[in-house]
PDB file of N, CA and C in Angstrom:
ATOM      1  N   MET A   1     -16.025 177.075   6.006  1.00  0.00           N
ATOM      2  CA  MET A   1     -16.027 176.416   7.300  1.00  0.00           C
ATOM      3  C   MET A   1     -14.654 176.500   7.964  1.00  0.00           C
ATOM      4  N   LYS A   2     -13.607 176.277   7.171  1.00  0.00           N
ATOM      5  CA  LYS A   2     -12.250 176.329   7.700  1.00  0.00           C
ATOM      6  C   LYS A   2     -11.908 177.733   8.203  1.00  0.00           C
ATOM      7  N   ARG A   3     -12.390 178.733   7.503  1.00  0.00           N
ATOM      8  CA  ARG A   3     -12.130 180.128   7.883  1.00  0.00           C
ATOM      9  C   ARG A   3     -12.762 180.440   9.242  1.00  0.00           C
ATOM     10  N   ARG A   4     -13.987 179.979   9.469  1.00  0.00           N
ATOM     11  CA  ARG A   4     -14.670 180.194  10.756  1.00  0.00           C
ATOM     12  C   ARG A   4     -13.930 179.505  11.896  1.00  0.00           C
ATOM     13  N   LEU A   5     -13.402 178.339  11.624  1.00  0.00           N
ATOM     14  CA  LEU A   5     -12.661 177.592  12.632  1.00  0.00           C
ATOM     15  C   LEU A   5     -11.384 178.341  13.024  1.00  0.00           C
ATOM     16  N   ILE A   6     -10.706 178.900  12.053  1.00  0.00           N
ATOM     17  CA  ILE A   6      -9.485 179.675  12.325  1.00  0.00           C
ATOM     18  C   ILE A   6      -9.813 180.932  13.117  1.00  0.00           C
ATOM     19  N   VAL A   7     -10.852 181.641  12.728  1.00  0.00           N
ATOM     20  CA  VAL A   7     -11.263 182.854  13.443  1.00  0.00           C
ATOM     21  C   VAL A   7     -11.643 182.507  14.879  1.00  0.00           C
ATOM     22  N   ALA A   8     -12.380 181.427  15.079  1.00  0.00           N
ATOM     23  CA  ALA A   8     -12.777 181.006  16.427  1.00  0.00           C
ATOM     24  C   ALA A   8     -11.559 180.646  17.261  1.00  0.00           C
ATOM     25  N   ALA A   9     -10.602 179.949  16.676  1.00  0.00           N
ATOM     26  CA  ALA A   9      -9.384 179.568  17.402  1.00  0.00           C
ATOM     27  C   ALA A   9      -8.582 180.803  17.806  1.00  0.00           C
ATOM     28  N   VAL A  10      -8.490 181.770  16.918  1.00  0.00           N
ATOM     29  CA  VAL A  10      -7.764 183.009  17.223  1.00  0.00           C
ATOM     30  C   VAL A  10      -8.460 183.771  18.358  1.00  0.00           C
ATOM     31  N   LEU A  11      -9.778 183.842  18.310  1.00  0.00           N
ATOM     32  CA  LEU A  11     -10.523 184.538  19.366  1.00  0.00           C
ATOM     33  C   LEU A  11     -10.364 183.846  20.719  1.00  0.00           C
ATOM     34  N   VAL A  12     -10.411 182.533  20.739  1.00  0.00           N
ATOM     35  CA  VAL A  12     -10.221 181.784  21.988  1.00  0.00           C
ATOM     36  C   VAL A  12      -8.809 181.998  22.518  1.00  0.00           C
ATOM     37  N   ALA A  13      -7.820 181.954  21.642  1.00  0.00           N
ATOM     38  CA  ALA A  13      -6.434 182.177  22.058  1.00  0.00           C
ATOM     39  C   ALA A  13      -6.250 183.596  22.609  1.00  0.00           C
ATOM     40  N   ALA A  14      -6.835 184.579  21.956  1.00  0.00           N
ATOM     41  CA  ALA A  14      -6.732 185.972  22.422  1.00  0.00           C
ATOM     42  C   ALA A  14      -7.392 186.141  23.777  1.00  0.00           C
ATOM     43  N   ALA A  15      -8.537 185.515  23.970  1.00  0.00           N
ATOM     44  CA  ALA A  15      -9.211 185.590  25.270  1.00  0.00           C
ATOM     45  C   ALA A  15      -8.372 184.926  26.351  1.00  0.00           C
ATOM     46  N   GLY A  16      -7.728 183.823  26.026  1.00  0.00           N
ATOM     47  CA  GLY A  16      -6.858 183.147  26.989  1.00  0.00           C
ATOM     48  C   GLY A  16      -5.663 183.997  27.382  1.00  0.00           C
ATOM     49  N   VAL A  17      -5.037 184.629  26.405  1.00  0.00           N
ATOM     50  CA  VAL A  17      -3.900 185.501  26.675  1.00  0.00           C
ATOM     51  C   VAL A  17      -4.339 186.698  27.515  1.00  0.00           C
ATOM     52  N   ALA A  18      -5.475 187.280  27.211  1.00  0.00           N
ATOM     53  CA  ALA A  18      -5.983 188.421  27.982  1.00  0.00           C
ATOM     54  C   ALA A  18      -6.280 188.014  29.419  1.00  0.00           C
ATOM     55  N   ALA A  19      -6.882 186.844  29.625  1.00  0.00           N
ATOM     56  CA  ALA A  19      -7.184 186.375  30.977  1.00  0.00           C
ATOM     57  C   ALA A  19      -5.899 186.116  31.753  1.00  0.00           C
ATOM     58  N   TRP A  20      -4.898 185.526  31.113  1.00  0.00           N
ATOM     59  CA  TRP A  20      -3.620 185.262  31.770  1.00  0.00           C
ATOM     60  C   TRP A  20      -2.938 186.574  32.154  1.00  0.00           C
ATOM     61  N   ALA A  21      -2.934 187.548  31.258  1.00  0.00           N
ATOM     62  CA  ALA A  21      -2.299 188.837  31.532  1.00  0.00           C
ATOM     63  C   ALA A  21      -3.002 189.547  32.681  1.00  0.00           C
ATOM     64  N   PHE A  22      -4.317 189.499  32.718  1.00  0.00           N
ATOM     65  CA  PHE A  22      -5.072 190.133  33.794  1.00  0.00           C
ATOM     66  C   PHE A  22      -4.773 189.466  35.132  1.00  0.00           C
ATOM     67  N   ALA A  23      -4.766 188.148  35.160  1.00  0.00           N
ATOM     68  CA  ALA A  23      -4.512 187.410  36.403  1.00  0.00           C
ATOM     69  C   ALA A  23      -3.100 187.649  36.908  1.00  0.00           C
ATOM     70  N   SER A  24      -2.131 187.742  36.017  1.00  0.00           N
ATOM     71  CA  SER A  24      -0.753 187.953  36.460  1.00  0.00           C
ATOM     72  C   SER A  24      -0.529 189.393  36.923  1.00  0.00           C
ATOM     73  N   ALA A  25      -1.382 190.320  36.518  1.00  0.00           N
ATOM     74  CA  ALA A  25      -1.246 191.715  36.940  1.00  0.00           C
ATOM     75  C   ALA A  25      -1.830 191.963  38.322  1.00  0.00           C
ATOM     76  N   LEU A  26      -2.652 191.057  38.807  1.00  0.00           N
ATOM     77  CA  LEU A  26      -3.249 191.223  40.130  1.00  0.00           C
ATOM     78  C   LEU A  26      -2.195 191.004  41.204  1.00  0.00           C
ATOM     79  N   THR A  27      -2.160 191.877  42.179  1.00  0.00           N
ATOM     80  CA  THR A  27      -1.215 191.763  43.279  1.00  0.00           C
ATOM     81  C   THR A  27      -2.021 191.703  44.574  1.00  0.00           C
ATOM     82  N   PRO A  28      -2.070 190.523  45.220  1.00  0.00           N
ATOM     83  CA  PRO A  28      -2.921 190.384  46.403  1.00  0.00           C
ATOM     84  C   PRO A  28      -2.353 191.081  47.636  1.00  0.00           C
ATOM     85  N   TYR A  29      -3.262 191.558  48.505  1.00  0.00           N
ATOM     86  CA  TYR A  29      -2.874 192.055  49.827  1.00  0.00           C
ATOM     87  C   TYR A  29      -2.658 190.846  50.720  1.00  0.00           C
ATOM     88  N   VAL A  30      -1.569 190.856  51.487  1.00  0.00           N
ATOM     89  CA  VAL A  30      -1.310 189.763  52.422  1.00  0.00           C
ATOM     90  C   VAL A  30      -0.805 190.339  53.742  1.00  0.00           C
ATOM     91  N   PRO A  31      -0.990 189.597  54.845  1.00  0.00           N
ATOM     92  CA  PRO A  31      -0.399 190.021  56.122  1.00  0.00           C
ATOM     93  C   PRO A  31       1.132 189.944  56.047  1.00  0.00           C
ATOM     94  N   PHE A  32       1.801 190.608  56.968  1.00  0.00           N
ATOM     95  CA  PHE A  32       3.266 190.639  56.974  1.00  0.00           C
ATOM     96  C   PHE A  32       3.854 189.226  56.962  1.00  0.00           C
ATOM     97  N   GLU A  33       3.304 188.347  57.779  1.00  0.00           N
ATOM     98  CA  GLU A  33       3.850 186.994  57.902  1.00  0.00           C
ATOM     99  C   GLU A  33       3.750 186.247  56.572  1.00  0.00           C
ATOM    100  N   ALA A  34       2.653 186.430  55.860  1.00  0.00           N
ATOM    101  CA  ALA A  34       2.478 185.766  54.568  1.00  0.00           C
ATOM    102  C   ALA A  34       3.423 186.353  53.523  1.00  0.00           C
ATOM    103  N   ALA A  35       3.674 187.650  53.596  1.00  0.00           N
ATOM    104  CA  ALA A  35       4.592 188.280  52.646  1.00  0.00           C
ATOM    105  C   ALA A  35       5.993 187.701  52.819  1.00  0.00           C
ATOM    106  N   ALA A  36       6.382 187.457  54.062  1.00  0.00           N
ATOM    107  CA  ALA A  36       7.716 186.941  54.345  1.00  0.00           C
ATOM    108  C   ALA A  36       7.897 185.510  53.862  1.00  0.00           C
ATOM    109  N   SER A  37       6.813 184.769  53.751  1.00  0.00           N
ATOM    110  CA  SER A  37       6.947 183.368  53.370  1.00  0.00           C
ATOM    111  C   SER A  37       6.476 183.056  51.950  1.00  0.00           C
ATOM    112  N   SER A  38       5.856 184.001  51.272  1.00  0.00           N
ATOM    113  CA  SER A  38       5.263 183.684  49.965  1.00  0.00           C
ATOM    114  C   SER A  38       6.267 183.645  48.826  1.00  0.00           C
ATOM    115  N   GLY A  39       7.243 184.552  48.836  1.00  0.00           N
ATOM    116  CA  GLY A  39       8.180 184.632  47.725  1.00  0.00           C
ATOM    117  C   GLY A  39       7.583 185.233  46.467  1.00  0.00           C
ATOM    118  N   ARG A  40       6.340 185.681  46.544  1.00  0.00           N
ATOM    119  CA  ARG A  40       5.636 186.260  45.400  1.00  0.00           C
ATOM    120  C   ARG A  40       5.604 187.779  45.496  1.00  0.00           C
ATOM    121  N   HIS A  41       5.219 188.405  44.407  1.00  0.00           N
ATOM    122  CA  HIS A  41       4.996 189.848  44.382  1.00  0.00           C
ATOM    123  C   HIS A  41       3.638 190.094  45.018  1.00  0.00           C
ATOM    124  N   VAL A  42       3.616 190.814  46.155  1.00  0.00           N
ATOM    125  CA  VAL A  42       2.394 191.027  46.920  1.00  0.00           C
ATOM    126  C   VAL A  42       2.324 192.485  47.374  1.00  0.00           C
ATOM    127  N   GLN A  43       1.205 192.817  48.036  1.00  0.00           N
ATOM    128  CA  GLN A  43       1.028 194.129  48.646  1.00  0.00           C
ATOM    129  C   GLN A  43       0.869 193.946  50.143  1.00  0.00           C
ATOM    130  N   ILE A  44       1.490 194.839  50.896  1.00  0.00           N
ATOM    131  CA  ILE A  44       1.288 194.873  52.344  1.00  0.00           C
ATOM    132  C   ILE A  44       0.841 196.274  52.717  1.00  0.00           C
ATOM    133  N   ILE A  45       0.147 196.376  53.841  1.00  0.00           N
ATOM    134  CA  ILE A  45      -0.284 197.688  54.331  1.00  0.00           C
ATOM    135  C   ILE A  45       0.128 197.793  55.791  1.00  0.00           C
ATOM    136  N   GLY A  46       0.624 198.964  56.160  1.00  0.00           N
ATOM    137  CA  GLY A  46       1.029 199.164  57.543  1.00  0.00           C
ATOM    138  C   GLY A  46       1.144 200.628  57.886  1.00  0.00           C
ATOM    139  N   GLN A  47       1.251 200.880  59.196  1.00  0.00           N
ATOM    140  CA  GLN A  47       1.448 202.245  59.665  1.00  0.00           C
ATOM    141  C   GLN A  47       2.941 202.553  59.638  1.00  0.00           C
ATOM    142  N   LEU A  48       3.281 203.727  59.142  1.00  0.00           N
ATOM    143  CA  LEU A  48       4.668 204.148  59.072  1.00  0.00           C
ATOM    144  C   LEU A  48       5.172 204.441  60.478  1.00  0.00           C
ATOM    145  N   VAL A  49       6.269 203.798  60.873  1.00  0.00           N
ATOM    146  CA  VAL A  49       6.869 204.038  62.186  1.00  0.00           C
ATOM    147  C   VAL A  49       7.557 205.402  62.142  1.00  0.00           C
ATOM    148  N   ALA A  50       7.254 206.232  63.135  1.00  0.00           N
ATOM    149  CA  ALA A  50       7.794 207.601  63.178  1.00  0.00           C
ATOM    150  C   ALA A  50       9.318 207.580  63.111  1.00  0.00           C
ATOM    151  N   ASP A  51       9.870 208.510  62.358  1.00  0.00           N
ATOM    152  CA  ASP A  51      11.319 208.696  62.213  1.00  0.00           C
ATOM    153  C   ASP A  51      12.049 207.466  61.674  1.00  0.00           C
ATOM    154  N   SER A  52      11.379 206.621  60.926  1.00  0.00           N
ATOM    155  CA  SER A  52      12.039 205.431  60.369  1.00  0.00           C
ATOM    156  C   SER A  52      12.418 205.600  58.906  1.00  0.00           C
ATOM    157  N   VAL A  53      12.099 206.743  58.313  1.00  0.00           N
ATOM    158  CA  VAL A  53      12.344 206.952  56.881  1.00  0.00           C
ATOM    159  C   VAL A  53      13.725 207.561  56.676  1.00  0.00           C
ATOM    160  N   GLY A  54      14.507 206.923  55.811  1.00  0.00           N
ATOM    161  CA  GLY A  54      15.830 207.448  55.489  1.00  0.00           C
ATOM    162  C   GLY A  54      16.366 206.820  54.214  1.00  0.00           C
ATOM    163  N   HIS A  55      17.303 207.498  53.569  1.00  0.00           N
ATOM    164  CA  HIS A  55      17.907 206.994  52.329  1.00  0.00           C
ATOM    165  C   HIS A  55      19.141 206.172  52.648  1.00  0.00           C
ATOM    166  N   ASP A  56      19.325 205.094  51.920  1.00  0.00           N
ATOM    167  CA  ASP A  56      20.549 204.295  51.981  1.00  0.00           C
ATOM    168  C   ASP A  56      21.199 204.391  50.607  1.00  0.00           C
ATOM    169  N   VAL A  57      22.277 205.156  50.532  1.00  0.00           N
ATOM    170  CA  VAL A  57      22.932 205.404  49.255  1.00  0.00           C
ATOM    171  C   VAL A  57      23.523 204.109  48.698  1.00  0.00           C
ATOM    172  N   ALA A  58      24.083 203.270  49.567  1.00  0.00           N
ATOM    173  CA  ALA A  58      24.700 202.025  49.110  1.00  0.00           C
ATOM    174  C   ALA A  58      23.673 201.105  48.446  1.00  0.00           C
ATOM    175  N   LEU A  59      22.485 201.027  49.016  1.00  0.00           N
ATOM    176  CA  LEU A  59      21.422 200.195  48.436  1.00  0.00           C
ATOM    177  C   LEU A  59      20.681 200.897  47.308  1.00  0.00           C
ATOM    178  N   GLY A  60      20.785 202.220  47.274  1.00  0.00           N
ATOM    179  CA  GLY A  60      20.018 202.993  46.297  1.00  0.00           C
ATOM    180  C   GLY A  60      18.531 202.915  46.571  1.00  0.00           C
ATOM    181  N   ALA A  61      18.175 202.960  47.865  1.00  0.00           N
ATOM    182  CA  ALA A  61      16.774 202.770  48.251  1.00  0.00           C
ATOM    183  C   ALA A  61      16.406 203.688  49.410  1.00  0.00           C
ATOM    184  N   LEU A  62      15.119 203.933  49.514  1.00  0.00           N
ATOM    185  CA  LEU A  62      14.556 204.627  50.661  1.00  0.00           C
ATOM    186  C   LEU A  62      14.142 203.542  51.652  1.00  0.00           C
ATOM    187  N   LEU A  63      14.629 203.625  52.872  1.00  0.00           N
ATOM    188  CA  LEU A  63      14.307 202.634  53.895  1.00  0.00           C
ATOM    189  C   LEU A  63      13.259 203.186  54.841  1.00  0.00           C
ATOM    190  N   MET A  64      12.356 202.305  55.285  1.00  0.00           N
ATOM    191  CA  MET A  64      11.331 202.683  56.254  1.00  0.00           C
ATOM    192  C   MET A  64      10.894 201.437  57.000  1.00  0.00           C
ATOM    193  N   THR A  65      10.216 201.635  58.100  1.00  0.00           N
ATOM    194  CA  THR A  65       9.673 200.527  58.870  1.00  0.00           C
ATOM    195  C   THR A  65       8.169 200.699  58.960  1.00  0.00           C
ATOM    196  N   LEU A  66       7.440 199.604  58.704  1.00  0.00           N
ATOM    197  CA  LEU A  66       5.980 199.607  58.802  1.00  0.00           C
ATOM    198  C   LEU A  66       5.556 198.718  59.962  1.00  0.00           C
ATOM    199  N   ARG A  67       4.462 199.112  60.624  1.00  0.00           N
ATOM    200  CA  ARG A  67       3.863 198.322  61.704  1.00  0.00           C
ATOM    201  C   ARG A  67       2.543 197.745  61.199  1.00  0.00           C
ATOM    202  N   SER A  68       2.378 196.441  61.399  1.00  0.00           N
ATOM    203  CA  SER A  68       1.152 195.772  60.965  1.00  0.00           C
ATOM    204  C   SER A  68      -0.033 196.288  61.762  1.00  0.00           C
ATOM    205  N   PRO A  69      -1.130 196.659  61.090  1.00  0.00           N
ATOM    206  CA  PRO A  69      -2.318 197.116  61.821  1.00  0.00           C
ATOM    207  C   PRO A  69      -3.005 195.970  62.556  1.00  0.00           C
ATOM    208  N   ASP A  70      -2.718 194.731  62.154  1.00  0.00           N
ATOM    209  CA  ASP A  70      -3.363 193.569  62.766  1.00  0.00           C
ATOM    210  C   ASP A  70      -2.608 193.053  63.986  1.00  0.00           C
ATOM    211  N   THR A  71      -1.294 192.849  63.825  1.00  0.00           N
ATOM    212  CA  THR A  71      -0.517 192.184  64.873  1.00  0.00           C
ATOM    213  C   THR A  71       0.478 193.086  65.577  1.00  0.00           C
ATOM    214  N   GLY A  72       0.769 194.248  64.998  1.00  0.00           N
ATOM    215  CA  GLY A  72       1.784 195.128  65.572  1.00  0.00           C
ATOM    216  C   GLY A  72       3.201 194.739  65.175  1.00  0.00           C
ATOM    217  N   ALA A  73       3.330 193.692  64.355  1.00  0.00           N
ATOM    218  CA  ALA A  73       4.649 193.261  63.898  1.00  0.00           C
ATOM    219  C   ALA A  73       5.280 194.354  63.043  1.00  0.00           C
ATOM    220  N   LEU A  74       6.600 194.395  63.034  1.00  0.00           N
ATOM    221  CA  LEU A  74       7.337 195.382  62.255  1.00  0.00           C
ATOM    222  C   LEU A  74       7.941 194.734  61.028  1.00  0.00           C
ATOM    223  N   MET A  75       8.017 195.502  59.937  1.00  0.00           N
ATOM    224  CA  MET A  75       8.666 195.022  58.722  1.00  0.00           C
ATOM    225  C   MET A  75       9.487 196.154  58.133  1.00  0.00           C
ATOM    226  N   ASN A  76      10.748 195.847  57.821  1.00  0.00           N
ATOM    227  CA  ASN A  76      11.613 196.798  57.141  1.00  0.00           C
ATOM    228  C   ASN A  76      11.298 196.773  55.658  1.00  0.00           C
ATOM    229  N   VAL A  77      11.149 197.959  55.073  1.00  0.00           N
ATOM    230  CA  VAL A  77      10.798 198.098  53.660  1.00  0.00           C
ATOM    231  C   VAL A  77      11.866 198.949  52.987  1.00  0.00           C
ATOM    232  N   ALA A  78      12.332 198.490  51.835  1.00  0.00           N
ATOM    233  CA  ALA A  78      13.270 199.249  51.013  1.00  0.00           C
ATOM    234  C   ALA A  78      12.561 199.584  49.707  1.00  0.00           C
ATOM    235  N   LEU A  79      12.390 200.864  49.445  1.00  0.00           N
ATOM    236  CA  LEU A  79      11.712 201.320  48.231  1.00  0.00           C
ATOM    237  C   LEU A  79      12.754 201.638  47.172  1.00  0.00           C
ATOM    238  N   THR A  80      12.673 200.921  46.059  1.00  0.00           N
ATOM    239  CA  THR A  80      13.615 201.153  44.963  1.00  0.00           C
ATOM    240  C   THR A  80      13.000 201.983  43.843  1.00  0.00           C
ATOM    241  N   GLY A  81      11.702 202.236  43.925  1.00  0.00           N
ATOM    242  CA  GLY A  81      11.012 203.023  42.909  1.00  0.00           C
ATOM    243  C   GLY A  81      10.937 204.488  43.300  1.00  0.00           C
ATOM    244  N   ALA A  82      10.022 205.192  42.658  1.00  0.00           N
ATOM    245  CA  ALA A  82       9.833 206.622  42.905  1.00  0.00           C
ATOM    246  C   ALA A  82       9.329 206.863  44.327  1.00  0.00           C
ATOM    247  N   VAL A  83       9.877 207.879  44.961  1.00  0.00           N
ATOM    248  CA  VAL A  83       9.513 208.219  46.335  1.00  0.00           C
ATOM    249  C   VAL A  83       8.397 209.259  46.324  1.00  0.00           C
ATOM    250  N   PRO A  84       7.259 208.959  46.976  1.00  0.00           N
ATOM    251  CA  PRO A  84       6.187 209.960  47.057  1.00  0.00           C
ATOM    252  C   PRO A  84       6.665 211.185  47.838  1.00  0.00           C
ATOM    253  N   GLN A  85       6.263 212.353  47.388  1.00  0.00           N
ATOM    254  CA  GLN A  85       6.698 213.591  48.035  1.00  0.00           C
ATOM    255  C   GLN A  85       6.224 213.697  49.477  1.00  0.00           C
ATOM    256  N   ASN A  86       5.073 213.137  49.772  1.00  0.00           N
ATOM    257  CA  ASN A  86       4.497 213.293  51.100  1.00  0.00           C
ATOM    258  C   ASN A  86       4.753 212.084  52.005  1.00  0.00           C
ATOM    259  N   ILE A  87       5.811 211.329  51.759  1.00  0.00           N
ATOM    260  CA  ILE A  87       6.087 210.120  52.530  1.00  0.00           C
ATOM    261  C   ILE A  87       6.268 210.427  54.016  1.00  0.00           C
ATOM    262  N   HIS A  88       6.845 211.566  54.368  1.00  0.00           N
ATOM    263  CA  HIS A  88       7.100 211.897  55.777  1.00  0.00           C
ATOM    264  C   HIS A  88       5.817 212.263  56.526  1.00  0.00           C
ATOM    265  N   HIS A  89       4.726 212.510  55.809  1.00  0.00           N
ATOM    266  CA  HIS A  89       3.446 212.836  56.442  1.00  0.00           C
ATOM    267  C   HIS A  89       2.488 211.649  56.449  1.00  0.00           C
ATOM    268  N   ALA A  90       2.947 210.524  55.943  1.00  0.00           N
ATOM    269  CA  ALA A  90       2.071 209.362  55.783  1.00  0.00           C
ATOM    270  C   ALA A  90       1.658 208.778  57.127  1.00  0.00           C
ATOM    271  N   THR A  91       0.411 208.345  57.193  1.00  0.00           N
ATOM    272  CA  THR A  91      -0.063 207.600  58.352  1.00  0.00           C
ATOM    273  C   THR A  91      -0.105 206.114  58.033  1.00  0.00           C
ATOM    274  N   GLU A  92      -0.443 205.786  56.793  1.00  0.00           N
ATOM    275  CA  GLU A  92      -0.442 204.401  56.337  1.00  0.00           C
ATOM    276  C   GLU A  92       0.278 204.327  55.003  1.00  0.00           C
ATOM    277  N   VAL A  93       0.904 203.177  54.777  1.00  0.00           N
ATOM    278  CA  VAL A  93       1.642 202.957  53.539  1.00  0.00           C
ATOM    279  C   VAL A  93       1.238 201.601  52.967  1.00  0.00           C
ATOM    280  N   VAL A  94       0.974 201.577  51.667  1.00  0.00           N
ATOM    281  CA  VAL A  94       0.776 200.326  50.945  1.00  0.00           C
ATOM    282  C   VAL A  94       2.035 200.123  50.119  1.00  0.00           C
ATOM    283  N   ALA A  95       2.726 199.011  50.356  1.00  0.00           N
ATOM    284  CA  ALA A  95       3.960 198.705  49.629  1.00  0.00           C
ATOM    285  C   ALA A  95       3.710 197.512  48.717  1.00  0.00           C
ATOM    286  N   MET A  96       4.179 197.608  47.482  1.00  0.00           N
ATOM    287  CA  MET A  96       4.028 196.535  46.502  1.00  0.00           C
ATOM    288  C   MET A  96       5.414 196.042  46.113  1.00  0.00           C
ATOM    289  N   GLY A  97       5.658 194.772  46.381  1.00  0.00           N
ATOM    290  CA  GLY A  97       6.971 194.221  46.075  1.00  0.00           C
ATOM    291  C   GLY A  97       7.094 192.784  46.525  1.00  0.00           C
ATOM    292  N   ARG A  98       8.320 192.417  46.922  1.00  0.00           N
ATOM    293  CA  ARG A  98       8.625 191.029  47.275  1.00  0.00           C
ATOM    294  C   ARG A  98       9.566 191.019  48.485  1.00  0.00           C
ATOM    295  N   TYR A  99       9.321 190.079  49.394  1.00  0.00           N
ATOM    296  CA  TYR A  99      10.150 189.920  50.581  1.00  0.00           C
ATOM    297  C   TYR A  99      11.360 189.060  50.246  1.00  0.00           C
ATOM    298  N   GLN A 100      12.559 189.554  50.621  1.00  0.00           N
ATOM    299  CA  GLN A 100      13.777 188.806  50.353  1.00  0.00           C
ATOM    300  C   GLN A 100      14.859 189.213  51.340  1.00  0.00           C
ATOM    301  N   ASP A 101      15.509 188.238  51.946  1.00  0.00           N
ATOM    302  CA  ASP A 101      16.646 188.462  52.846  1.00  0.00           C
ATOM    303  C   ASP A 101      16.312 189.416  53.988  1.00  0.00           C
ATOM    304  N   GLY A 102      15.130 189.265  54.587  1.00  0.00           N
ATOM    305  CA  GLY A 102      14.769 190.052  55.755  1.00  0.00           C
ATOM    306  C   GLY A 102      14.227 191.444  55.476  1.00  0.00           C
ATOM    307  N   VAL A 103      14.042 191.771  54.203  1.00  0.00           N
ATOM    308  CA  VAL A 103      13.563 193.103  53.820  1.00  0.00           C
ATOM    309  C   VAL A 103      12.468 192.948  52.769  1.00  0.00           C
ATOM    310  N   PHE A 104      11.435 193.778  52.870  1.00  0.00           N
ATOM    311  CA  PHE A 104      10.414 193.826  51.830  1.00  0.00           C
ATOM    312  C   PHE A 104      10.881 194.848  50.802  1.00  0.00           C
ATOM    313  N   TRP A 105      11.252 194.373  49.616  1.00  0.00           N
ATOM    314  CA  TRP A 105      11.752 195.229  48.540  1.00  0.00           C
ATOM    315  C   TRP A 105      10.573 195.716  47.710  1.00  0.00           C
ATOM    316  N   ALA A 106      10.221 196.977  47.887  1.00  0.00           N
ATOM    317  CA  ALA A 106       9.065 197.563  47.216  1.00  0.00           C
ATOM    318  C   ALA A 106       9.508 198.309  45.967  1.00  0.00           C
ATOM    319  N   ARG A 107       8.767 198.078  44.896  1.00  0.00           N
ATOM    320  CA  ARG A 107       8.986 198.845  43.672  1.00  0.00           C
ATOM    321  C   ARG A 107       8.091 200.072  43.635  1.00  0.00           C
ATOM    322  N   ARG A 108       7.024 200.017  44.448  1.00  0.00           N
ATOM    323  CA  ARG A 108       6.049 201.111  44.442  1.00  0.00           C
ATOM    324  C   ARG A 108       5.384 201.189  45.806  1.00  0.00           C
ATOM    325  N   VAL A 109       5.104 202.405  46.257  1.00  0.00           N
ATOM    326  CA  VAL A 109       4.333 202.589  47.485  1.00  0.00           C
ATOM    327  C   VAL A 109       3.256 203.645  47.260  1.00  0.00           C
ATOM    328  N   LEU A 110       2.171 203.465  47.958  1.00  0.00           N
ATOM    329  CA  LEU A 110       1.096 204.453  48.002  1.00  0.00           C
ATOM    330  C   LEU A 110       0.987 204.905  49.439  1.00  0.00           C
ATOM    331  N   VAL A 111       0.781 206.191  49.651  1.00  0.00           N
ATOM    332  CA  VAL A 111       0.714 206.701  51.016  1.00  0.00           C
ATOM    333  C   VAL A 111      -0.658 207.288  51.308  1.00  0.00           C
ATOM    334  N   LYS A 112      -1.055 207.133  52.565  1.00  0.00           N
ATOM    335  CA  LYS A 112      -2.288 207.754  53.042  1.00  0.00           C
ATOM    336  C   LYS A 112      -1.870 208.770  54.097  1.00  0.00           C
ATOM    337  N   CYS A 113      -2.222 210.004  53.859  1.00  0.00           N
ATOM    338  CA  CYS A 113      -1.860 211.072  54.771  1.00  0.00           C
ATOM    339  C   CYS A 113      -3.102 211.552  55.508  1.00  0.00           C
ATOM    340  N   PRO A 114      -2.901 212.181  56.677  1.00  0.00           N
ATOM    341  CA  PRO A 114      -4.058 212.721  57.377  1.00  0.00           C
ATOM    342  C   PRO A 114      -4.756 213.760  56.508  1.00  0.00           C
ATOM    343  N   SER A 115      -6.049 213.699  56.452  1.00  0.00           N
ATOM    344  CA  SER A 115      -6.802 214.609  55.600  1.00  0.00           C
ATOM    345  C   SER A 115      -7.017 215.937  56.322  1.00  0.00           C
ATOM    346  N   ARG A 116      -6.794 216.989  55.614  1.00  0.00           N
ATOM    347  CA  ARG A 116      -7.068 218.294  56.204  1.00  0.00           C
ATOM    348  C   ARG A 116      -8.569 218.582  56.203  1.00  0.00           C
ATOM    349  N   TYR A 117      -9.337 217.691  55.551  1.00  0.00           N
ATOM    350  CA  TYR A 117     -10.765 217.841  55.507  1.00  0.00           C
ATOM    351  C   TYR A 117     -11.464 216.957  56.526  1.00  0.00           C
ATOM    352  N   ASP A 118     -10.691 216.232  57.336  1.00  0.00           N
ATOM    353  CA  ASP A 118     -11.265 215.330  58.336  1.00  0.00           C
ATOM    354  C   ASP A 118     -12.019 216.179  59.362  1.00  0.00           C
ATOM    355  N   ARG A 119     -13.258 215.807  59.639  1.00  0.00           N
ATOM    356  CA  ARG A 119     -14.096 216.585  60.555  1.00  0.00           C
ATOM    357  C   ARG A 119     -13.840 216.218  62.017  1.00  0.00           C
ATOM    358  N   GLY A 120     -13.171 215.094  62.228  1.00  0.00           N
ATOM    359  CA  GLY A 120     -12.789 214.742  63.584  1.00  0.00           C
ATOM    360  C   GLY A 120     -13.954 214.335  64.454  1.00  0.00           C
ATOM    361  N   GLY A 121     -14.979 213.793  63.892  1.00  0.00           N
ATOM    362  CA  GLY A 121     -15.977 213.133  64.592  1.00  0.00           C
ATOM    363  C   GLY A 121     -17.160 213.647  65.147  1.00  0.00           C
TER     364      GLY A 121
END
């Protein structure tokens, strides 16, 4: 009986740890305004502002500006992670990171580029 109780306790604890790890790995999409006020690790999506992409050697980051598809608001993004090769062709960018000191510090970005297979309607 004692052995079954220990096995059950271990299984419940493992399930709890797995649920906690899964929940902490989720990164919600939020509007620009919510990203600026949340202080949490979140995802934002926006259109890349033309000619806004450039490297800042002092910061060690790729800088860009995104425009909110909902409100048209602008947000400066600093990417400290790997830079996608096709960033200059991007139409939309998903940035994952945290807003701090007037800049969204992204550790990762995903880009959406115009499809060469788009039939155009």
